[in-house]
Amino acid sequence: MNIYENVAILNASLPDEEINGSISRIKDLIINAGGEVLLADMWGRRKLAYEIKKQNKGFYALLIFKAPPSTIKKLEEFYRVFDPVIKYMVIKLDPKQAKHLEKTEAAEAEQAPKEA
């Protein structure tokens, strides 16, 4: 499985519940296609550099995930028909970036407080 980075810009005029539901649907699609979400970071509402689909603001969401290559095609097809997403980009991380990410995750797991 490869590691991918995905930035999705959602329509900022949607209520928070709908944005969270949309992001959950994206995560579910990745998991159901045999992937694993490693990081989900919500950057929040920001002004767009240029107008996209008559929108000046967008809600940015970053997802880093492991998945087989076939998942990317399913994800992109989903984005094309899913109205809340106004723009997206999925890139494959090169092996050096992937190793660095895995080391960072391992270090964070060690530093996490252990439950008694």
PDB file of N, CA and C in Angstrom:
ATOM      1  N   MET A   1       0.846  -1.184   0.000  1.00  0.00           N
ATOM      2  CA  MET A   1       0.000   0.000   0.000  1.00  0.00           C
ATOM      3  C   MET A   1       0.887   1.241   0.000  1.00  0.00           C
ATOM      4  N   ASN A   2       0.412   2.253  -0.685  1.00  0.00           N
ATOM      5  CA  ASN A   2       1.106   3.531  -0.753  1.00  0.00           C
ATOM      6  C   ASN A   2       0.512   4.502   0.258  1.00  0.00           C
ATOM      7  N   ILE A   3       1.276   5.534   0.558  1.00  0.00           N
ATOM      8  CA  ILE A   3       0.778   6.588   1.437  1.00  0.00           C
ATOM      9  C   ILE A   3       0.464   7.804   0.579  1.00  0.00           C
ATOM     10  N   TYR A   4      -0.720   8.362   0.789  1.00  0.00           N
ATOM     11  CA  TYR A   4      -1.200   9.496   0.006  1.00  0.00           C
ATOM     12  C   TYR A   4      -1.536  10.672   0.913  1.00  0.00           C
ATOM     13  N   GLU A   5      -1.429  11.864   0.328  1.00  0.00           N
ATOM     14  CA  GLU A   5      -1.846  13.089   1.000  1.00  0.00           C
ATOM     15  C   GLU A   5      -2.979  13.681   0.180  1.00  0.00           C
ATOM     16  N   ASN A   6      -4.046  14.037   0.844  1.00  0.00           N
ATOM     17  CA  ASN A   6      -5.235  14.541   0.169  1.00  0.00           C
ATOM     18  C   ASN A   6      -5.681  15.839   0.832  1.00  0.00           C
ATOM     19  N   VAL A   7      -5.800  16.889   0.039  1.00  0.00           N
ATOM     20  CA  VAL A   7      -6.377  18.138   0.531  1.00  0.00           C
ATOM     21  C   VAL A   7      -7.690  18.328  -0.209  1.00  0.00           C
ATOM     22  N   ALA A   8      -8.755  18.481   0.550  1.00  0.00           N
ATOM     23  CA  ALA A   8     -10.074  18.730  -0.031  1.00  0.00           C
ATOM     24  C   ALA A   8     -10.562  20.083   0.466  1.00  0.00           C
ATOM     25  N   ILE A   9     -11.120  20.870  -0.448  1.00  0.00           N
ATOM     26  CA  ILE A   9     -11.721  22.146  -0.079  1.00  0.00           C
ATOM     27  C   ILE A   9     -13.221  21.978  -0.216  1.00  0.00           C
ATOM     28  N   LEU A  10     -13.910  22.166   0.897  1.00  0.00           N
ATOM     29  CA  LEU A  10     -15.363  22.031   0.912  1.00  0.00           C
ATOM     30  C   LEU A  10     -16.007  23.409   0.929  1.00  0.00           C
ATOM     31  N   ASN A  11     -17.251  23.450   0.513  1.00  0.00           N
ATOM     32  CA  ASN A  11     -18.019  24.689   0.496  1.00  0.00           C
ATOM     33  C   ASN A  11     -18.118  25.234   1.923  1.00  0.00           C
ATOM     34  N   ALA A  12     -17.562  26.420   2.153  1.00  0.00           N
ATOM     35  CA  ALA A  12     -17.510  26.992   3.505  1.00  0.00           C
ATOM     36  C   ALA A  12     -18.864  27.472   4.003  1.00  0.00           C
ATOM     37  N   SER A  13     -19.834  27.622   3.108  1.00  0.00           N
ATOM     38  CA  SER A  13     -21.151  28.099   3.541  1.00  0.00           C
ATOM     39  C   SER A  13     -21.994  26.988   4.172  1.00  0.00           C
ATOM     40  N   LEU A  14     -21.508  25.762   4.121  1.00  0.00           N
ATOM     41  CA  LEU A  14     -22.230  24.643   4.743  1.00  0.00           C
ATOM     42  C   LEU A  14     -22.086  24.711   6.261  1.00  0.00           C
ATOM     43  N   PRO A  15     -23.105  24.249   7.000  1.00  0.00           N
ATOM     44  CA  PRO A  15     -22.980  24.208   8.465  1.00  0.00           C
ATOM     45  C   PRO A  15     -21.911  23.192   8.896  1.00  0.00           C
ATOM     46  N   ASP A  16     -21.372  23.380  10.092  1.00  0.00           N
ATOM     47  CA  ASP A  16     -20.306  22.509  10.595  1.00  0.00           C
ATOM     48  C   ASP A  16     -20.704  21.035  10.606  1.00  0.00           C
ATOM     49  N   GLU A  17     -21.959  20.736  10.949  1.00  0.00           N
ATOM     50  CA  GLU A  17     -22.404  19.340  10.992  1.00  0.00           C
ATOM     51  C   GLU A  17     -22.306  18.698   9.609  1.00  0.00           C
ATOM     52  N   GLU A  18     -22.676  19.461   8.584  1.00  0.00           N
ATOM     53  CA  GLU A  18     -22.637  18.922   7.224  1.00  0.00           C
ATOM     54  C   GLU A  18     -21.193  18.746   6.749  1.00  0.00           C
ATOM     55  N   ILE A  19     -20.324  19.665   7.131  1.00  0.00           N
ATOM     56  CA  ILE A  19     -18.906  19.540   6.773  1.00  0.00           C
ATOM     57  C   ILE A  19     -18.311  18.311   7.453  1.00  0.00           C
ATOM     58  N   ASN A  20     -18.579  18.148   8.742  1.00  0.00           N
ATOM     59  CA  ASN A  20     -18.073  16.973   9.467  1.00  0.00           C
ATOM     60  C   ASN A  20     -18.620  15.677   8.882  1.00  0.00           C
ATOM     61  N   GLY A  21     -19.890  15.678   8.494  1.00  0.00           N
ATOM     62  CA  GLY A  21     -20.488  14.506   7.859  1.00  0.00           C
ATOM     63  C   GLY A  21     -19.840  14.195   6.520  1.00  0.00           C
ATOM     64  N   SER A  22     -19.523  15.235   5.761  1.00  0.00           N
ATOM     65  CA  SER A  22     -18.872  15.051   4.461  1.00  0.00           C
ATOM     66  C   SER A  22     -17.482  14.453   4.634  1.00  0.00           C
ATOM     67  N   ILE A  23     -16.742  14.949   5.615  1.00  0.00           N
ATOM     68  CA  ILE A  23     -15.399  14.426   5.868  1.00  0.00           C
ATOM     69  C   ILE A  23     -15.481  12.981   6.352  1.00  0.00           C
ATOM     70  N   SER A  24     -16.483  12.668   7.147  1.00  0.00           N
ATOM     71  CA  SER A  24     -16.685  11.282   7.593  1.00  0.00           C
ATOM     72  C   SER A  24     -16.972  10.367   6.410  1.00  0.00           C
ATOM     73  N   ARG A  25     -17.751  10.852   5.446  1.00  0.00           N
ATOM     74  CA  ARG A  25     -18.037  10.043   4.246  1.00  0.00           C
ATOM     75  C   ARG A  25     -16.759   9.772   3.461  1.00  0.00           C
ATOM     76  N   ILE A  26     -15.880  10.776   3.378  1.00  0.00           N
ATOM     77  CA  ILE A  26     -14.613  10.602   2.669  1.00  0.00           C
ATOM     78  C   ILE A  26     -13.750   9.563   3.391  1.00  0.00           C
ATOM     79  N   LYS A  27     -13.660   9.669   4.712  1.00  0.00           N
ATOM     80  CA  LYS A  27     -12.892   8.692   5.498  1.00  0.00           C
ATOM     81  C   LYS A  27     -13.464   7.286   5.329  1.00  0.00           C
ATOM     82  N   ASP A  28     -14.789   7.164   5.384  1.00  0.00           N
ATOM     83  CA  ASP A  28     -15.437   5.857   5.217  1.00  0.00           C
ATOM     84  C   ASP A  28     -15.123   5.253   3.854  1.00  0.00           C
ATOM     85  N   LEU A  29     -15.119   6.086   2.824  1.00  0.00           N
ATOM     86  CA  LEU A  29     -14.804   5.590   1.486  1.00  0.00           C
ATOM     87  C   LEU A  29     -13.391   5.016   1.457  1.00  0.00           C
ATOM     88  N   ILE A  30     -12.441   5.716   2.063  1.00  0.00           N
ATOM     89  CA  ILE A  30     -11.052   5.247   2.099  1.00  0.00           C
ATOM     90  C   ILE A  30     -10.962   3.924   2.855  1.00  0.00           C
ATOM     91  N   ILE A  31     -11.605   3.843   4.006  1.00  0.00           N
ATOM     92  CA  ILE A  31     -11.552   2.630   4.829  1.00  0.00           C
ATOM     93  C   ILE A  31     -12.240   1.462   4.127  1.00  0.00           C
ATOM     94  N   ASN A  32     -13.405   1.700   3.521  1.00  0.00           N
ATOM     95  CA  ASN A  32     -14.139   0.634   2.834  1.00  0.00           C
ATOM     96  C   ASN A  32     -13.416   0.137   1.591  1.00  0.00           C
ATOM     97  N   ALA A  33     -12.528   0.967   1.035  1.00  0.00           N
ATOM     98  CA  ALA A  33     -11.765   0.555  -0.143  1.00  0.00           C
ATOM     99  C   ALA A  33     -10.458  -0.133   0.252  1.00  0.00           C
ATOM    100  N   GLY A  34     -10.286  -0.416   1.535  1.00  0.00           N
ATOM    101  CA  GLY A  34      -9.106  -1.143   1.987  1.00  0.00           C
ATOM    102  C   GLY A  34      -7.984  -0.253   2.486  1.00  0.00           C
ATOM    103  N   GLY A  35      -8.275   1.008   2.739  1.00  0.00           N
ATOM    104  CA  GLY A  35      -7.252   1.935   3.207  1.00  0.00           C
ATOM    105  C   GLY A  35      -7.317   2.166   4.702  1.00  0.00           C
ATOM    106  N   GLU A  36      -6.414   3.012   5.170  1.00  0.00           N
ATOM    107  CA  GLU A  36      -6.338   3.352   6.594  1.00  0.00           C
ATOM    108  C   GLU A  36      -5.997   4.835   6.703  1.00  0.00           C
ATOM    109  N   VAL A  37      -6.823   5.593   7.389  1.00  0.00           N
ATOM    110  CA  VAL A  37      -6.579   7.026   7.570  1.00  0.00           C
ATOM    111  C   VAL A  37      -5.557   7.194   8.693  1.00  0.00           C
ATOM    112  N   LEU A  38      -4.420   7.824   8.369  1.00  0.00           N
ATOM    113  CA  LEU A  38      -3.354   8.028   9.345  1.00  0.00           C
ATOM    114  C   LEU A  38      -3.493   9.357  10.073  1.00  0.00           C
ATOM    115  N   LEU A  39      -3.976  10.373   9.352  1.00  0.00           N
ATOM    116  CA  LEU A  39      -4.092  11.705   9.934  1.00  0.00           C
ATOM    117  C   LEU A  39      -5.248  12.440   9.274  1.00  0.00           C
ATOM    118  N   ALA A  40      -6.058  13.075  10.071  1.00  0.00           N
ATOM    119  CA  ALA A  40      -7.132  13.937   9.563  1.00  0.00           C
ATOM    120  C   ALA A  40      -6.981  15.278  10.268  1.00  0.00           C
ATOM    121  N   ASP A  41      -6.588  16.285   9.520  1.00  0.00           N
ATOM    122  CA  ASP A  41      -6.339  17.608  10.089  1.00  0.00           C
ATOM    123  C   ASP A  41      -7.267  18.613   9.421  1.00  0.00           C
ATOM    124  N   MET A  42      -8.108  19.238  10.218  1.00  0.00           N
ATOM    125  CA  MET A  42      -9.041  20.233   9.692  1.00  0.00           C
ATOM    126  C   MET A  42      -8.406  21.615   9.816  1.00  0.00           C
ATOM    127  N   TRP A  43      -8.153  22.247   8.682  1.00  0.00           N
ATOM    128  CA  TRP A  43      -7.526  23.567   8.677  1.00  0.00           C
ATOM    129  C   TRP A  43      -8.557  24.673   8.846  1.00  0.00           C
ATOM    130  N   GLY A  44      -9.812  24.347   8.648  1.00  0.00           N
ATOM    131  CA  GLY A  44     -10.881  25.315   8.858  1.00  0.00           C
ATOM    132  C   GLY A  44     -11.196  26.166   7.644  1.00  0.00           C
ATOM    133  N   ARG A  45     -11.994  27.203   7.881  1.00  0.00           N
ATOM    134  CA  ARG A  45     -12.434  28.100   6.810  1.00  0.00           C
ATOM    135  C   ARG A  45     -11.340  29.117   6.509  1.00  0.00           C
ATOM    136  N   ARG A  46     -11.056  29.261   5.203  1.00  0.00           N
ATOM    137  CA  ARG A  46     -10.031  30.210   4.760  1.00  0.00           C
ATOM    138  C   ARG A  46     -10.474  30.859   3.461  1.00  0.00           C
ATOM    139  N   LYS A  47      -9.921  32.016   3.212  1.00  0.00           N
ATOM    140  CA  LYS A  47     -10.198  32.717   1.959  1.00  0.00           C
ATOM    141  C   LYS A  47      -9.439  32.013   0.841  1.00  0.00           C
ATOM    142  N   LEU A  48     -10.121  31.802  -0.275  1.00  0.00           N
ATOM    143  CA  LEU A  48      -9.492  31.166  -1.424  1.00  0.00           C
ATOM    144  C   LEU A  48      -8.636  32.181  -2.180  1.00  0.00           C
ATOM    145  N   ALA A  49      -7.596  31.718  -2.833  1.00  0.00           N
ATOM    146  CA  ALA A  49      -6.729  32.596  -3.618  1.00  0.00           C
ATOM    147  C   ALA A  49      -7.472  33.146  -4.835  1.00  0.00           C
ATOM    148  N   TYR A  50      -8.406  32.378  -5.353  1.00  0.00           N
ATOM    149  CA  TYR A  50      -9.236  32.799  -6.480  1.00  0.00           C
ATOM    150  C   TYR A  50     -10.593  32.120  -6.347  1.00  0.00           C
ATOM    151  N   GLU A  51     -11.566  32.642  -7.043  1.00  0.00           N
ATOM    152  CA  GLU A  51     -12.928  32.119  -6.949  1.00  0.00           C
ATOM    153  C   GLU A  51     -13.012  30.726  -7.581  1.00  0.00           C
ATOM    154  N   ILE A  52     -13.638  29.809  -6.856  1.00  0.00           N
ATOM    155  CA  ILE A  52     -13.853  28.447  -7.348  1.00  0.00           C
ATOM    156  C   ILE A  52     -15.333  28.145  -7.208  1.00  0.00           C
ATOM    157  N   LYS A  53     -15.968  27.807  -8.318  1.00  0.00           N
ATOM    158  CA  LYS A  53     -17.405  27.500  -8.320  1.00  0.00           C
ATOM    159  C   LYS A  53     -18.205  28.582  -7.587  1.00  0.00           C
ATOM    160  N   LYS A  54     -17.889  29.821  -7.900  1.00  0.00           N
ATOM    161  CA  LYS A  54     -18.560  31.003  -7.343  1.00  0.00           C
ATOM    162  C   LYS A  54     -18.406  31.116  -5.826  1.00  0.00           C
ATOM    163  N   GLN A  55     -17.349  30.538  -5.278  1.00  0.00           N
ATOM    164  CA  GLN A  55     -17.074  30.593  -3.840  1.00  0.00           C
ATOM    165  C   GLN A  55     -15.773  31.357  -3.598  1.00  0.00           C
ATOM    166  N   ASN A  56     -15.765  32.224  -2.582  1.00  0.00           N
ATOM    167  CA  ASN A  56     -14.562  32.964  -2.209  1.00  0.00           C
ATOM    168  C   ASN A  56     -13.880  32.390  -0.972  1.00  0.00           C
ATOM    169  N   LYS A  57     -14.594  31.541  -0.235  1.00  0.00           N
ATOM    170  CA  LYS A  57     -14.045  30.903   0.957  1.00  0.00           C
ATOM    171  C   LYS A  57     -14.255  29.399   0.857  1.00  0.00           C
ATOM    172  N   GLY A  58     -13.386  28.657   1.541  1.00  0.00           N
ATOM    173  CA  GLY A  58     -13.505  27.211   1.552  1.00  0.00           C
ATOM    174  C   GLY A  58     -13.083  26.646   2.893  1.00  0.00           C
ATOM    175  N   PHE A  59     -13.562  25.457   3.196  1.00  0.00           N
ATOM    176  CA  PHE A  59     -13.157  24.739   4.403  1.00  0.00           C
ATOM    177  C   PHE A  59     -12.127  23.706   3.965  1.00  0.00           C
ATOM    178  N   TYR A  60     -10.901  23.845   4.467  1.00  0.00           N
ATOM    179  CA  TYR A  60      -9.803  22.970   4.070  1.00  0.00           C
ATOM    180  C   TYR A  60      -9.699  21.776   5.013  1.00  0.00           C
ATOM    181  N   ALA A  61      -9.517  20.597   4.428  1.00  0.00           N
ATOM    182  CA  ALA A  61      -9.316  19.373   5.210  1.00  0.00           C
ATOM    183  C   ALA A  61      -8.146  18.599   4.611  1.00  0.00           C
ATOM    184  N   LEU A  62      -7.217  18.205   5.464  1.00  0.00           N
ATOM    185  CA  LEU A  62      -6.058  17.418   5.045  1.00  0.00           C
ATOM    186  C   LEU A  62      -6.228  16.000   5.566  1.00  0.00           C
ATOM    187  N   LEU A  63      -6.093  15.030   4.674  1.00  0.00           N
ATOM    188  CA  LEU A  63      -6.132  13.620   5.067  1.00  0.00           C
ATOM    189  C   LEU A  63      -4.860  12.956   4.565  1.00  0.00           C
ATOM    190  N   ILE A  64      -4.188  12.234   5.426  1.00  0.00           N
ATOM    191  CA  ILE A  64      -3.054  11.411   5.021  1.00  0.00           C
ATOM    192  C   ILE A  64      -3.476   9.975   5.295  1.00  0.00           C
ATOM    193  N   PHE A  65      -3.331   9.131   4.268  1.00  0.00           N
ATOM    194  CA  PHE A  65      -3.837   7.769   4.409  1.00  0.00           C
ATOM    195  C   PHE A  65      -3.013   6.775   3.616  1.00  0.00           C
ATOM    196  N   LYS A  66      -3.073   5.504   4.054  1.00  0.00           N
ATOM    197  CA  LYS A  66      -2.487   4.376   3.336  1.00  0.00           C
ATOM    198  C   LYS A  66      -3.614   3.715   2.568  1.00  0.00           C
ATOM    199  N   ALA A  67      -3.340   3.383   1.320  1.00  0.00           N
ATOM    200  CA  ALA A  67      -4.384   2.726   0.530  1.00  0.00           C
ATOM    201  C   ALA A  67      -3.769   2.085  -0.703  1.00  0.00           C
ATOM    202  N   PRO A  68      -4.447   1.067  -1.244  1.00  0.00           N
ATOM    203  CA  PRO A  68      -4.015   0.523  -2.528  1.00  0.00           C
ATOM    204  C   PRO A  68      -4.309   1.537  -3.635  1.00  0.00           C
ATOM    205  N   PRO A  69      -3.567   1.494  -4.734  1.00  0.00           N
ATOM    206  CA  PRO A  69      -3.764   2.471  -5.816  1.00  0.00           C
ATOM    207  C   PRO A  69      -5.190   2.523  -6.368  1.00  0.00           C
ATOM    208  N   SER A  70      -5.916   1.428  -6.318  1.00  0.00           N
ATOM    209  CA  SER A  70      -7.287   1.416  -6.843  1.00  0.00           C
ATOM    210  C   SER A  70      -8.211   2.340  -6.053  1.00  0.00           C
ATOM    211  N   THR A  71      -7.867   2.618  -4.815  1.00  0.00           N
ATOM    212  CA  THR A  71      -8.681   3.497  -3.973  1.00  0.00           C
ATOM    213  C   THR A  71      -8.710   4.919  -4.519  1.00  0.00           C
ATOM    214  N   ILE A  72      -7.617   5.354  -5.121  1.00  0.00           N
ATOM    215  CA  ILE A  72      -7.518   6.735  -5.602  1.00  0.00           C
ATOM    216  C   ILE A  72      -8.532   6.989  -6.707  1.00  0.00           C
ATOM    217  N   LYS A  73      -8.691   6.031  -7.589  1.00  0.00           N
ATOM    218  CA  LYS A  73      -9.676   6.199  -8.664  1.00  0.00           C
ATOM    219  C   LYS A  73     -11.083   6.328  -8.071  1.00  0.00           C
ATOM    220  N   LYS A  74     -11.411   5.491  -7.097  1.00  0.00           N
ATOM    221  CA  LYS A  74     -12.725   5.564  -6.452  1.00  0.00           C
ATOM    222  C   LYS A  74     -12.913   6.905  -5.753  1.00  0.00           C
ATOM    223  N   LEU A  75     -11.866   7.370  -5.082  1.00  0.00           N
ATOM    224  CA  LEU A  75     -11.934   8.634  -4.352  1.00  0.00           C
ATOM    225  C   LEU A  75     -12.147   9.806  -5.311  1.00  0.00           C
ATOM    226  N   GLU A  76     -11.418   9.822  -6.420  1.00  0.00           N
ATOM    227  CA  GLU A  76     -11.561  10.913  -7.388  1.00  0.00           C
ATOM    228  C   GLU A  76     -12.930  10.892  -8.060  1.00  0.00           C
ATOM    229  N   GLU A  77     -13.449   9.705  -8.354  1.00  0.00           N
ATOM    230  CA  GLU A  77     -14.804   9.614  -8.918  1.00  0.00           C
ATOM    231  C   GLU A  77     -15.829  10.153  -7.925  1.00  0.00           C
ATOM    232  N   PHE A  78     -15.647   9.842  -6.657  1.00  0.00           N
ATOM    233  CA  PHE A  78     -16.542  10.334  -5.608  1.00  0.00           C
ATOM    234  C   PHE A  78     -16.487  11.857  -5.535  1.00  0.00           C
ATOM    235  N   TYR A  79     -15.285  12.424  -5.558  1.00  0.00           N
ATOM    236  CA  TYR A  79     -15.134  13.878  -5.478  1.00  0.00           C
ATOM    237  C   TYR A  79     -15.819  14.592  -6.645  1.00  0.00           C
ATOM    238  N   ARG A  80     -15.770  14.003  -7.827  1.00  0.00           N
ATOM    239  CA  ARG A  80     -16.362  14.652  -9.002  1.00  0.00           C
ATOM    240  C   ARG A  80     -17.877  14.821  -8.881  1.00  0.00           C
ATOM    241  N   VAL A  81     -18.536  13.931  -8.170  1.00  0.00           N
ATOM    242  CA  VAL A  81     -20.000  13.996  -8.067  1.00  0.00           C
ATOM    243  C   VAL A  81     -20.494  14.462  -6.700  1.00  0.00           C
ATOM    244  N   PHE A  82     -19.591  14.659  -5.760  1.00  0.00           N
ATOM    245  CA  PHE A  82     -19.959  15.039  -4.393  1.00  0.00           C
ATOM    246  C   PHE A  82     -19.957  16.563  -4.291  1.00  0.00           C
ATOM    247  N   ASP A  83     -21.145  17.154  -4.207  1.00  0.00           N
ATOM    248  CA  ASP A  83     -21.304  18.612  -4.263  1.00  0.00           C
ATOM    249  C   ASP A  83     -20.565  19.410  -3.192  1.00  0.00           C
ATOM    250  N   PRO A  84     -20.483  18.969  -1.932  1.00  0.00           N
ATOM    251  CA  PRO A  84     -19.795  19.807  -0.938  1.00  0.00           C
ATOM    252  C   PRO A  84     -18.318  20.077  -1.255  1.00  0.00           C
ATOM    253  N   VAL A  85     -17.666  19.193  -2.015  1.00  0.00           N
ATOM    254  CA  VAL A  85     -16.252  19.384  -2.352  1.00  0.00           C
ATOM    255  C   VAL A  85     -16.154  20.270  -3.585  1.00  0.00           C
ATOM    256  N   ILE A  86     -15.468  21.422  -3.426  1.00  0.00           N
ATOM    257  CA  ILE A  86     -15.330  22.329  -4.568  1.00  0.00           C
ATOM    258  C   ILE A  86     -13.978  22.176  -5.264  1.00  0.00           C
ATOM    259  N   LYS A  87     -12.988  21.619  -4.576  1.00  0.00           N
ATOM    260  CA  LYS A  87     -11.675  21.381  -5.171  1.00  0.00           C
ATOM    261  C   LYS A  87     -10.962  20.327  -4.337  1.00  0.00           C
ATOM    262  N   TYR A  88     -10.106  19.522  -4.970  1.00  0.00           N
ATOM    263  CA  TYR A  88      -9.371  18.500  -4.238  1.00  0.00           C
ATOM    264  C   TYR A  88      -8.054  18.206  -4.937  1.00  0.00           C
ATOM    265  N   MET A  89      -7.139  17.621  -4.202  1.00  0.00           N
ATOM    266  CA  MET A  89      -5.880  17.167  -4.775  1.00  0.00           C
ATOM    267  C   MET A  89      -5.400  15.964  -3.968  1.00  0.00           C
ATOM    268  N   VAL A  90      -5.014  14.911  -4.668  1.00  0.00           N
ATOM    269  CA  VAL A  90      -4.481  13.716  -4.027  1.00  0.00           C
ATOM    270  C   VAL A  90      -3.098  13.469  -4.618  1.00  0.00           C
ATOM    271  N   ILE A  91      -2.092  13.366  -3.755  1.00  0.00           N
ATOM    272  CA  ILE A  91      -0.745  13.067  -4.239  1.00  0.00           C
ATOM    273  C   ILE A  91      -0.180  11.881  -3.471  1.00  0.00           C
ATOM    274  N   LYS A  92       0.664  11.129  -4.150  1.00  0.00           N
ATOM    275  CA  LYS A  92       1.347   9.997  -3.522  1.00  0.00           C
ATOM    276  C   LYS A  92       2.630  10.533  -2.900  1.00  0.00           C
ATOM    277  N   LEU A  93       2.836  10.230  -1.627  1.00  0.00           N
ATOM    278  CA  LEU A  93       4.064  10.650  -0.964  1.00  0.00           C
ATOM    279  C   LEU A  93       5.211   9.763  -1.423  1.00  0.00           C
ATOM    280  N   ASP A  94       6.381  10.375  -1.622  1.00  0.00           N
ATOM    281  CA  ASP A  94       7.526   9.554  -2.009  1.00  0.00           C
ATOM    282  C   ASP A  94       7.999   8.751  -0.795  1.00  0.00           C
ATOM    283  N   PRO A  95       8.782   7.711  -1.020  1.00  0.00           N
ATOM    284  CA  PRO A  95       9.175   6.825   0.088  1.00  0.00           C
ATOM    285  C   PRO A  95       9.861   7.544   1.256  1.00  0.00           C
ATOM    286  N   LYS A  96      10.671   8.577   0.977  1.00  0.00           N
ATOM    287  CA  LYS A  96      11.345   9.302   2.066  1.00  0.00           C
ATOM    288  C   LYS A  96      10.326  10.006   2.958  1.00  0.00           C
ATOM    289  N   GLN A  97       9.345  10.659   2.341  1.00  0.00           N
ATOM    290  CA  GLN A  97       8.315  11.343   3.123  1.00  0.00           C
ATOM    291  C   GLN A  97       7.493  10.335   3.915  1.00  0.00           C
ATOM    292  N   ALA A  98       7.194   9.202   3.302  1.00  0.00           N
ATOM    293  CA  ALA A  98       6.399   8.172   3.971  1.00  0.00           C
ATOM    294  C   ALA A  98       7.143   7.624   5.191  1.00  0.00           C
ATOM    295  N   LYS A  99       8.455   7.373   5.048  1.00  0.00           N
ATOM    296  CA  LYS A  99       9.240   6.868   6.181  1.00  0.00           C
ATOM    297  C   LYS A  99       9.288   7.896   7.301  1.00  0.00           C
ATOM    298  N   HIS A 100       9.467   9.167   6.943  1.00  0.00           N
ATOM    299  CA  HIS A 100       9.494  10.236   7.953  1.00  0.00           C
ATOM    300  C   HIS A 100       8.157  10.300   8.689  1.00  0.00           C
ATOM    301  N   LEU A 101       7.064  10.181   7.956  1.00  0.00           N
ATOM    302  CA  LEU A 101       5.732  10.214   8.563  1.00  0.00           C
ATOM    303  C   LEU A 101       5.550   9.048   9.530  1.00  0.00           C
ATOM    304  N   GLU A 102       5.981   7.856   9.121  1.00  0.00           N
ATOM    305  CA  GLU A 102       5.839   6.685   9.983  1.00  0.00           C
ATOM    306  C   GLU A 102       6.690   6.820  11.250  1.00  0.00           C
ATOM    307  N   LYS A 103       7.908   7.391  11.123  1.00  0.00           N
ATOM    308  CA  LYS A 103       8.756   7.604  12.299  1.00  0.00           C
ATOM    309  C   LYS A 103       8.107   8.605  13.246  1.00  0.00           C
ATOM    310  N   THR A 104       7.530   9.654  12.696  1.00  0.00           N
ATOM    311  CA  THR A 104       6.865  10.670  13.507  1.00  0.00           C
ATOM    312  C   THR A 104       5.688  10.061  14.258  1.00  0.00           C
ATOM    313  N   GLU A 105       4.906   9.228  13.572  1.00  0.00           N
ATOM    314  CA  GLU A 105       3.764   8.570  14.215  1.00  0.00           C
ATOM    315  C   GLU A 105       4.223   7.656  15.342  1.00  0.00           C
ATOM    316  N   ALA A 106       5.313   6.919  15.113  1.00  0.00           N
ATOM    317  CA  ALA A 106       5.826   6.013  16.141  1.00  0.00           C
ATOM    318  C   ALA A 106       6.296   6.801  17.364  1.00  0.00           C
ATOM    319  N   ALA A 107       6.962   7.922  17.136  1.00  0.00           N
ATOM    320  CA  ALA A 107       7.436   8.759  18.249  1.00  0.00           C
ATOM    321  C   ALA A 107       6.261   9.337  19.033  1.00  0.00           C
ATOM    322  N   GLU A 108       5.219   9.765  18.332  1.00  0.00           N
ATOM    323  CA  GLU A 108       4.037  10.310  19.007  1.00  0.00           C
ATOM    324  C   GLU A 108       3.335   9.233  19.825  1.00  0.00           C
ATOM    325  N   ALA A 109       3.311   8.012  19.302  1.00  0.00           N
ATOM    326  CA  ALA A 109       2.666   6.912  20.018  1.00  0.00           C
ATOM    327  C   ALA A 109       3.419   6.596  21.311  1.00  0.00           C
ATOM    328  N   GLU A 110       4.757   6.685  21.278  1.00  0.00           N
ATOM    329  CA  GLU A 110       5.552   6.424  22.476  1.00  0.00           C
ATOM    330  C   GLU A 110       5.355   7.510  23.524  1.00  0.00           C
ATOM    331  N   GLN A 111       5.195   8.753  23.073  1.00  0.00           N
ATOM    332  CA  GLN A 111       5.053   9.876  23.995  1.00  0.00           C
ATOM    333  C   GLN A 111       3.648   9.997  24.566  1.00  0.00           C
ATOM    334  N   ALA A 112       2.690   9.348  23.962  1.00  0.00           N
ATOM    335  CA  ALA A 112       1.306   9.429  24.441  1.00  0.00           C
ATOM    336  C   ALA A 112       1.234   8.873  25.859  1.00  0.00           C
ATOM    337  N   PRO A 113       0.472   9.522  26.728  1.00  0.00           N
ATOM    338  CA  PRO A 113       0.376   9.026  28.112  1.00  0.00           C
ATOM    339  C   PRO A 113      -0.249   7.633  28.144  1.00  0.00           C
ATOM    340  N   LYS A 114       0.351   6.793  28.949  1.00  0.00           N
ATOM    341  CA  LYS A 114      -0.146   5.418  29.053  1.00  0.00           C
ATOM    342  C   LYS A 114      -1.186   5.342  30.153  1.00  0.00           C
ATOM    343  N   GLU A 115      -2.278   4.636  29.844  1.00  0.00           N
ATOM    344  CA  GLU A 115      -3.363   4.485  30.816  1.00  0.00           C
ATOM    345  C   GLU A 115      -3.007   3.402  31.830  1.00  0.00           C
ATOM    346  N   ALA A 116      -3.404   3.600  33.060  1.00  0.00           N
ATOM    347  CA  ALA A 116      -3.085   2.638  34.128  1.00  0.00           C
ATOM    348  C   ALA A 116      -4.062   1.499  34.148  1.00  0.00           C
TER     349      ALA A 116
END
